[in-house]
Amino acid sequence: MTVLDGVDLDVHRGEVVAVIGPSGSGKTTLVRTLNHLEQPDQGSVEIDGRLMGGKDRELAAQRRHVGMVFQRFNLFPHRTVLQNITLAPLQQRLSGRADAERRARELLGKVGLDSHAHKYPHQLSGGQQQRVAIARALAMDPSVLLFDEPTSALDPELVGEVLSVMSDLAADGTTMVVVTHEMRFAREVADWVVFMNQGRILAQGPPETVFDHSGEPRLERFFAAIGPA
């Protein structure tokens, strides 16, 4: 079974790319392939001039430049918020403990959680956990942040706080590829929107083109089913 078929996508520095489409269209596989969590059978992924792939040690070094935010937060339950954020930089020996903790506290301030450093994940709401996950990804100073439906596991009233943080990151020039069902975010925040269906990119372009002038029948049916952005 072919999950991705003929996908060709360029993401430029400082750009926010929103990937939209029906369930099962290959969106998650695409973003996981960018980080080589899924290994492509053909083709290549290049980030900052580096080809992704190779042996485990090479791939681990490449992934330092790619932050990933998952649907389900994936925080370590037995570690505090501060420990979750500092774990990777300390393990990778990118900084000493004092610098790692200073940076973690800066990032917690950035995501609006500076008073939660010593709490454990179970003491946080889902939206707060996802904001910690974003801070954790930023702690590695990645070239690009990948988001796999970051709000899909949240209660509706918590979605806005996560999207607000992501909008702030976009305003700061953070390069992001975001798989999302949040059409308003895609229309208002993204620089480029990609519509996928059955493993292929059927339409892509600036938000105003994709949302208002695409002329792609499958995309029009998708928008008709989900309602206006």
C-alpha atoms as a PDB file:
ATOM      1  CA  MET A   1       0.000   0.000   0.000  1.00  0.00           C
ATOM      2  CA  THR A   2       1.340   3.440  -0.987  1.00  0.00           C
ATOM      3  CA  VAL A   3       0.780   5.949   1.805  1.00  0.00           C
ATOM      4  CA  LEU A   4       2.566   8.904   0.195  1.00  0.00           C
ATOM      5  CA  ASP A   5       2.638   9.209  -3.575  1.00  0.00           C
ATOM      6  CA  GLY A   6       4.720  11.750  -5.464  1.00  0.00           C
ATOM      7  CA  VAL A   7       4.841  14.276  -2.624  1.00  0.00           C
ATOM      8  CA  ASP A   8       7.034  17.289  -3.437  1.00  0.00           C
ATOM      9  CA  LEU A   9       7.158  20.055  -0.844  1.00  0.00           C
ATOM     10  CA  ASP A  10       9.484  22.976  -0.114  1.00  0.00           C
ATOM     11  CA  VAL A  11       9.444  24.727   3.265  1.00  0.00           C
ATOM     12  CA  HIS A  12      11.358  27.970   3.551  1.00  0.00           C
ATOM     13  CA  ARG A  13      13.026  29.371   6.649  1.00  0.00           C
ATOM     14  CA  GLY A  14      10.590  31.334   8.815  1.00  0.00           C
ATOM     15  CA  GLU A  15       7.572  29.913   7.016  1.00  0.00           C
ATOM     16  CA  VAL A  16       4.503  28.286   8.563  1.00  0.00           C
ATOM     17  CA  VAL A  17       3.114  25.465   6.429  1.00  0.00           C
ATOM     18  CA  ALA A  18      -0.290  24.043   7.374  1.00  0.00           C
ATOM     19  CA  VAL A  19      -1.109  20.548   6.113  1.00  0.00           C
ATOM     20  CA  ILE A  20      -4.842  19.872   5.895  1.00  0.00           C
ATOM     21  CA  GLY A  21      -7.052  17.143   4.488  1.00  0.00           C
ATOM     22  CA  PRO A  22      -9.417  14.334   5.442  1.00  0.00           C
ATOM     23  CA  SER A  23      -8.480  11.626   7.922  1.00  0.00           C
ATOM     24  CA  GLY A  24      -6.304   8.943   6.347  1.00  0.00           C
ATOM     25  CA  SER A  25      -4.953  11.250   3.655  1.00  0.00           C
ATOM     26  CA  GLY A  26      -1.293  10.806   4.683  1.00  0.00           C
ATOM     27  CA  LYS A  27      -0.807  14.011   6.682  1.00  0.00           C
ATOM     28  CA  THR A  28       0.684  12.369   9.765  1.00  0.00           C
ATOM     29  CA  THR A  29       2.852  10.080   7.659  1.00  0.00           C
ATOM     30  CA  LEU A  30       4.177  13.110   5.809  1.00  0.00           C
ATOM     31  CA  VAL A  31       5.224  14.959   8.950  1.00  0.00           C
ATOM     32  CA  ARG A  32       6.703  11.798  10.487  1.00  0.00           C
ATOM     33  CA  THR A  33       8.665  11.195   7.290  1.00  0.00           C
ATOM     34  CA  LEU A  34      10.213  14.659   7.558  1.00  0.00           C
ATOM     35  CA  ASN A  35      11.746  13.530  10.865  1.00  0.00           C
ATOM     36  CA  HIS A  36      12.436  10.029   9.531  1.00  0.00           C
ATOM     37  CA  LEU A  37      10.194   8.474  12.161  1.00  0.00           C
ATOM     38  CA  GLU A  38       8.825   6.848   9.011  1.00  0.00           C
ATOM     39  CA  GLN A  39      11.443   5.758   6.511  1.00  0.00           C
ATOM     40  CA  PRO A  40      10.559   6.559   2.871  1.00  0.00           C
ATOM     41  CA  ASP A  41      11.036   3.797   0.311  1.00  0.00           C
ATOM     42  CA  GLN A  42      11.927   6.353  -2.351  1.00  0.00           C
ATOM     43  CA  GLY A  43      12.849  10.003  -2.450  1.00  0.00           C
ATOM     44  CA  SER A  44      14.678  12.109   0.099  1.00  0.00           C
ATOM     45  CA  VAL A  45      14.215  14.653   2.864  1.00  0.00           C
ATOM     46  CA  GLU A  46      16.642  17.552   3.169  1.00  0.00           C
ATOM     47  CA  ILE A  47      16.695  19.982   6.110  1.00  0.00           C
ATOM     48  CA  ASP A  48      19.113  22.923   6.183  1.00  0.00           C
ATOM     49  CA  GLY A  49      21.088  21.316   3.394  1.00  0.00           C
ATOM     50  CA  ARG A  50      21.415  18.007   5.258  1.00  0.00           C
ATOM     51  CA  LEU A  51      19.968  14.796   3.868  1.00  0.00           C
ATOM     52  CA  MET A  52      17.971  13.002   6.548  1.00  0.00           C
ATOM     53  CA  GLY A  53      18.765   9.331   7.015  1.00  0.00           C
ATOM     54  CA  GLY A  54      21.698   7.044   7.576  1.00  0.00           C
ATOM     55  CA  LYS A  55      22.733   4.976  10.561  1.00  0.00           C
ATOM     56  CA  ASP A  56      21.180   5.415  13.988  1.00  0.00           C
ATOM     57  CA  ARG A  57      23.888   7.734  15.303  1.00  0.00           C
ATOM     58  CA  GLU A  58      23.774   9.918  12.195  1.00  0.00           C
ATOM     59  CA  LEU A  59      19.997  10.096  12.314  1.00  0.00           C
ATOM     60  CA  ALA A  60      20.014  10.995  15.997  1.00  0.00           C
ATOM     61  CA  ALA A  61      22.384  13.885  15.277  1.00  0.00           C
ATOM     62  CA  GLN A  62      20.164  15.098  12.430  1.00  0.00           C
ATOM     63  CA  ARG A  63      17.049  14.992  14.599  1.00  0.00           C
ATOM     64  CA  ARG A  64      18.595  17.523  16.973  1.00  0.00           C
ATOM     65  CA  HIS A  65      17.645  20.096  14.338  1.00  0.00           C
ATOM     66  CA  VAL A  66      14.012  18.981  14.080  1.00  0.00           C
ATOM     67  CA  GLY A  67      11.553  19.520  16.920  1.00  0.00           C
ATOM     68  CA  MET A  68       8.448  17.339  17.088  1.00  0.00           C
ATOM     69  CA  VAL A  69       5.196  17.993  18.936  1.00  0.00           C
ATOM     70  CA  PHE A  70       2.824  15.022  19.023  1.00  0.00           C
ATOM     71  CA  GLN A  71      -0.912  14.695  19.578  1.00  0.00           C
ATOM     72  CA  ARG A  72      -0.571  13.081  22.998  1.00  0.00           C
ATOM     73  CA  PHE A  73       2.132  15.265  24.599  1.00  0.00           C
ATOM     74  CA  ASN A  74       4.457  12.291  25.395  1.00  0.00           C
ATOM     75  CA  LEU A  75       5.766  13.884  28.593  1.00  0.00           C
ATOM     76  CA  PHE A  76       7.559  11.698  31.120  1.00  0.00           C
ATOM     77  CA  PRO A  77       5.050  11.363  33.991  1.00  0.00           C
ATOM     78  CA  HIS A  78       7.703  10.770  36.664  1.00  0.00           C
ATOM     79  CA  ARG A  79       9.632  13.956  35.800  1.00  0.00           C
ATOM     80  CA  THR A  80       8.734  17.541  36.589  1.00  0.00           C
ATOM     81  CA  VAL A  81       8.027  20.075  33.875  1.00  0.00           C
ATOM     82  CA  LEU A  82      11.545  21.478  34.256  1.00  0.00           C
ATOM     83  CA  GLN A  83      13.074  17.999  34.061  1.00  0.00           C
ATOM     84  CA  ASN A  84      11.057  17.141  30.946  1.00  0.00           C
ATOM     85  CA  ILE A  85      12.356  20.221  29.166  1.00  0.00           C
ATOM     86  CA  THR A  86      16.004  19.900  30.208  1.00  0.00           C
ATOM     87  CA  LEU A  87      16.314  16.145  29.651  1.00  0.00           C
ATOM     88  CA  ALA A  88      17.278  16.137  25.966  1.00  0.00           C
ATOM     89  CA  PRO A  89      19.752  19.061  26.087  1.00  0.00           C
ATOM     90  CA  LEU A  90      21.490  17.458  29.073  1.00  0.00           C
ATOM     91  CA  GLN A  91      21.558  13.980  27.532  1.00  0.00           C
ATOM     92  CA  GLN A  92      22.917  15.394  24.285  1.00  0.00           C
ATOM     93  CA  ARG A  93      25.441  17.458  26.284  1.00  0.00           C
ATOM     94  CA  LEU A  94      24.400  20.632  24.493  1.00  0.00           C
ATOM     95  CA  SER A  95      24.659  22.663  27.694  1.00  0.00           C
ATOM     96  CA  GLY A  96      25.387  22.391  31.385  1.00  0.00           C
ATOM     97  CA  ARG A  97      22.588  21.991  33.916  1.00  0.00           C
ATOM     98  CA  ALA A  98      22.501  25.656  34.942  1.00  0.00           C
ATOM     99  CA  ASP A  99      22.239  26.856  31.334  1.00  0.00           C
ATOM    100  CA  ALA A 100      19.691  24.164  30.463  1.00  0.00           C
ATOM    101  CA  GLU A 101      17.488  25.152  33.396  1.00  0.00           C
ATOM    102  CA  ARG A 102      17.828  28.853  32.600  1.00  0.00           C
ATOM    103  CA  ARG A 103      16.767  28.191  29.016  1.00  0.00           C
ATOM    104  CA  ALA A 104      13.901  25.969  30.171  1.00  0.00           C
ATOM    105  CA  ARG A 105      12.576  28.732  32.412  1.00  0.00           C
ATOM    106  CA  GLU A 106      12.788  31.195  29.527  1.00  0.00           C
ATOM    107  CA  LEU A 107      10.760  28.832  27.363  1.00  0.00           C
ATOM    108  CA  LEU A 108       8.211  28.256  30.108  1.00  0.00           C
ATOM    109  CA  GLY A 109       7.739  32.007  30.225  1.00  0.00           C
ATOM    110  CA  LYS A 110       7.305  32.020  26.462  1.00  0.00           C
ATOM    111  CA  VAL A 111       4.467  29.474  26.643  1.00  0.00           C
ATOM    112  CA  GLY A 112       2.888  31.102  29.698  1.00  0.00           C
ATOM    113  CA  LEU A 113       3.840  28.465  32.263  1.00  0.00           C
ATOM    114  CA  ASP A 114       6.693  30.060  34.191  1.00  0.00           C
ATOM    115  CA  SER A 115       5.092  29.223  37.553  1.00  0.00           C
ATOM    116  CA  HIS A 116       4.696  25.504  36.738  1.00  0.00           C
ATOM    117  CA  ALA A 117       8.352  24.410  36.548  1.00  0.00           C
ATOM    118  CA  HIS A 118       8.182  22.004  39.481  1.00  0.00           C
ATOM    119  CA  LYS A 119       4.803  20.454  38.765  1.00  0.00           C
ATOM    120  CA  TYR A 120       4.346  16.996  37.298  1.00  0.00           C
ATOM    121  CA  PRO A 121       2.363  16.343  34.096  1.00  0.00           C
ATOM    122  CA  HIS A 122      -0.639  14.915  35.971  1.00  0.00           C
ATOM    123  CA  GLN A 123      -1.007  18.256  37.752  1.00  0.00           C
ATOM    124  CA  LEU A 124      -1.505  20.092  34.455  1.00  0.00           C
ATOM    125  CA  SER A 125      -4.416  20.390  32.051  1.00  0.00           C
ATOM    126  CA  GLY A 126      -4.092  18.946  28.564  1.00  0.00           C
ATOM    127  CA  GLY A 127      -3.474  22.388  27.111  1.00  0.00           C
ATOM    128  CA  GLN A 128      -0.747  23.053  29.651  1.00  0.00           C
ATOM    129  CA  GLN A 129       0.880  19.696  28.918  1.00  0.00           C
ATOM    130  CA  GLN A 130       0.916  20.479  25.218  1.00  0.00           C
ATOM    131  CA  ARG A 131       2.504  23.852  25.898  1.00  0.00           C
ATOM    132  CA  VAL A 132       5.195  22.081  27.929  1.00  0.00           C
ATOM    133  CA  ALA A 133       5.715  19.748  24.966  1.00  0.00           C
ATOM    134  CA  ILE A 134       6.221  22.776  22.731  1.00  0.00           C
ATOM    135  CA  ALA A 135       8.747  24.236  25.184  1.00  0.00           C
ATOM    136  CA  ARG A 136      10.539  20.876  25.286  1.00  0.00           C
ATOM    137  CA  ALA A 137      10.815  20.836  21.492  1.00  0.00           C
ATOM    138  CA  LEU A 138      12.133  24.411  21.470  1.00  0.00           C
ATOM    139  CA  ALA A 139      14.791  23.568  24.067  1.00  0.00           C
ATOM    140  CA  MET A 140      16.887  21.928  21.350  1.00  0.00           C
ATOM    141  CA  ASP A 141      16.842  25.137  19.271  1.00  0.00           C
ATOM    142  CA  PRO A 142      15.588  23.247  16.203  1.00  0.00           C
ATOM    143  CA  SER A 143      15.693  24.536  12.634  1.00  0.00           C
ATOM    144  CA  VAL A 144      12.071  23.481  12.154  1.00  0.00           C
ATOM    145  CA  LEU A 145       9.180  22.488  14.424  1.00  0.00           C
ATOM    146  CA  LEU A 146       6.839  19.713  13.291  1.00  0.00           C
ATOM    147  CA  PHE A 147       3.343  19.497  14.769  1.00  0.00           C
ATOM    148  CA  ASP A 148       1.146  16.431  14.350  1.00  0.00           C
ATOM    149  CA  GLU A 149      -2.405  17.617  15.073  1.00  0.00           C
ATOM    150  CA  PRO A 150      -1.313  19.296  18.325  1.00  0.00           C
ATOM    151  CA  THR A 151      -4.855  20.220  19.418  1.00  0.00           C
ATOM    152  CA  SER A 152      -6.751  17.057  18.458  1.00  0.00           C
ATOM    153  CA  ALA A 153      -6.456  15.472  21.925  1.00  0.00           C
ATOM    154  CA  LEU A 154      -7.594  18.606  23.761  1.00  0.00           C
ATOM    155  CA  ASP A 155     -10.973  19.614  25.104  1.00  0.00           C
ATOM    156  CA  PRO A 156     -12.400  22.420  22.938  1.00  0.00           C
ATOM    157  CA  GLU A 157     -11.894  25.114  25.581  1.00  0.00           C
ATOM    158  CA  LEU A 158      -8.158  24.314  25.762  1.00  0.00           C
ATOM    159  CA  VAL A 159      -7.465  24.506  22.026  1.00  0.00           C
ATOM    160  CA  GLY A 160      -7.150  28.287  21.960  1.00  0.00           C
ATOM    161  CA  GLU A 161      -4.296  28.469  24.460  1.00  0.00           C
ATOM    162  CA  VAL A 162      -2.156  26.126  22.377  1.00  0.00           C
ATOM    163  CA  LEU A 163      -2.979  27.863  19.093  1.00  0.00           C
ATOM    164  CA  SER A 164      -2.107  31.190  20.727  1.00  0.00           C
ATOM    165  CA  VAL A 165       1.376  29.930  21.590  1.00  0.00           C
ATOM    166  CA  MET A 166       1.798  28.595  18.050  1.00  0.00           C
ATOM    167  CA  SER A 167       0.682  31.929  16.601  1.00  0.00           C
ATOM    168  CA  ASP A 168       3.270  33.706  18.747  1.00  0.00           C
ATOM    169  CA  LEU A 169       5.956  31.330  17.476  1.00  0.00           C
ATOM    170  CA  ALA A 170       4.897  32.081  13.911  1.00  0.00           C
ATOM    171  CA  ALA A 171       5.120  35.817  14.592  1.00  0.00           C
ATOM    172  CA  ASP A 172       8.649  35.271  15.925  1.00  0.00           C
ATOM    173  CA  GLY A 173       9.670  33.658  12.618  1.00  0.00           C
ATOM    174  CA  THR A 174       9.767  30.022  13.766  1.00  0.00           C
ATOM    175  CA  THR A 175       9.756  27.594  10.863  1.00  0.00           C
ATOM    176  CA  MET A 176       6.819  25.207  11.346  1.00  0.00           C
ATOM    177  CA  VAL A 177       5.037  22.407   9.530  1.00  0.00           C
ATOM    178  CA  VAL A 178       1.652  21.895  11.162  1.00  0.00           C
ATOM    179  CA  VAL A 179      -0.753  19.047  10.490  1.00  0.00           C
ATOM    180  CA  THR A 180      -4.033  20.489  11.661  1.00  0.00           C
ATOM    181  CA  HIS A 181      -7.819  20.348  11.539  1.00  0.00           C
ATOM    182  CA  GLU A 182      -7.979  23.957  12.753  1.00  0.00           C
ATOM    183  CA  MET A 183      -8.949  25.732   9.550  1.00  0.00           C
ATOM    184  CA  ARG A 184      -8.940  29.205  11.069  1.00  0.00           C
ATOM    185  CA  PHE A 185      -5.323  28.722  12.145  1.00  0.00           C
ATOM    186  CA  ALA A 186      -4.436  27.527   8.643  1.00  0.00           C
ATOM    187  CA  ARG A 187      -6.156  30.514   7.037  1.00  0.00           C
ATOM    188  CA  GLU A 188      -4.946  33.228   9.414  1.00  0.00           C
ATOM    189  CA  VAL A 189      -1.483  32.101  10.551  1.00  0.00           C
ATOM    190  CA  ALA A 190      -0.014  29.861   7.844  1.00  0.00           C
ATOM    191  CA  ASP A 191       2.043  31.273   4.980  1.00  0.00           C
ATOM    192  CA  TRP A 192       1.415  28.190   2.842  1.00  0.00           C
ATOM    193  CA  VAL A 193      -1.369  25.607   2.942  1.00  0.00           C
ATOM    194  CA  VAL A 194      -1.097  22.052   1.625  1.00  0.00           C
ATOM    195  CA  PHE A 195      -4.203  19.952   0.958  1.00  0.00           C
ATOM    196  CA  MET A 196      -3.667  16.180   0.905  1.00  0.00           C
ATOM    197  CA  ASN A 197      -5.945  13.389  -0.212  1.00  0.00           C
ATOM    198  CA  GLN A 198      -5.127   9.682  -0.562  1.00  0.00           C
ATOM    199  CA  GLY A 199      -1.420  10.270  -0.086  1.00  0.00           C
ATOM    200  CA  ARG A 200      -1.076  12.990  -2.692  1.00  0.00           C
ATOM    201  CA  ILE A 201      -0.878  16.762  -2.575  1.00  0.00           C
ATOM    202  CA  LEU A 202      -3.870  17.941  -4.590  1.00  0.00           C
ATOM    203  CA  ALA A 203      -3.533  21.661  -3.897  1.00  0.00           C
ATOM    204  CA  GLN A 204      -1.043  23.988  -2.271  1.00  0.00           C
ATOM    205  CA  GLY A 205      -0.454  27.698  -2.129  1.00  0.00           C
ATOM    206  CA  PRO A 206      -1.060  30.796  -0.016  1.00  0.00           C
ATOM    207  CA  PRO A 207      -4.111  30.499   2.252  1.00  0.00           C
ATOM    208  CA  GLU A 208      -6.259  32.833   0.184  1.00  0.00           C
ATOM    209  CA  THR A 209      -5.638  30.729  -2.914  1.00  0.00           C
ATOM    210  CA  VAL A 210      -6.289  27.349  -1.290  1.00  0.00           C
ATOM    211  CA  PHE A 211      -9.332  28.477   0.676  1.00  0.00           C
ATOM    212  CA  ASP A 212     -10.988  30.722  -1.884  1.00  0.00           C
ATOM    213  CA  HIS A 213      -9.718  30.062  -5.402  1.00  0.00           C
ATOM    214  CA  SER A 214      -8.300  26.539  -5.659  1.00  0.00           C
ATOM    215  CA  GLY A 215     -10.765  25.105  -8.163  1.00  0.00           C
ATOM    216  CA  GLU A 216      -9.901  21.590  -6.900  1.00  0.00           C
ATOM    217  CA  PRO A 217     -13.178  19.591  -6.643  1.00  0.00           C
ATOM    218  CA  ARG A 218     -11.999  17.298  -3.828  1.00  0.00           C
ATOM    219  CA  LEU A 219     -10.888  20.299  -1.789  1.00  0.00           C
ATOM    220  CA  GLU A 220     -14.234  22.008  -2.338  1.00  0.00           C
ATOM    221  CA  ARG A 221     -16.030  18.899  -1.068  1.00  0.00           C
ATOM    222  CA  PHE A 222     -13.735  18.817   1.968  1.00  0.00           C
ATOM    223  CA  PHE A 223     -14.551  22.424   2.854  1.00  0.00           C
ATOM    224  CA  ALA A 224     -18.252  21.825   2.287  1.00  0.00           C
ATOM    225  CA  ALA A 225     -18.152  18.901   4.739  1.00  0.00           C
ATOM    226  CA  ILE A 226     -16.331  20.692   7.543  1.00  0.00           C
ATOM    227  CA  GLY A 227     -17.886  24.124   7.198  1.00  0.00           C
ATOM    228  CA  PRO A 228     -16.278  27.550   6.697  1.00  0.00           C
ATOM    229  CA  ALA A 229     -12.966  28.479   8.320  1.00  0.00           C
END
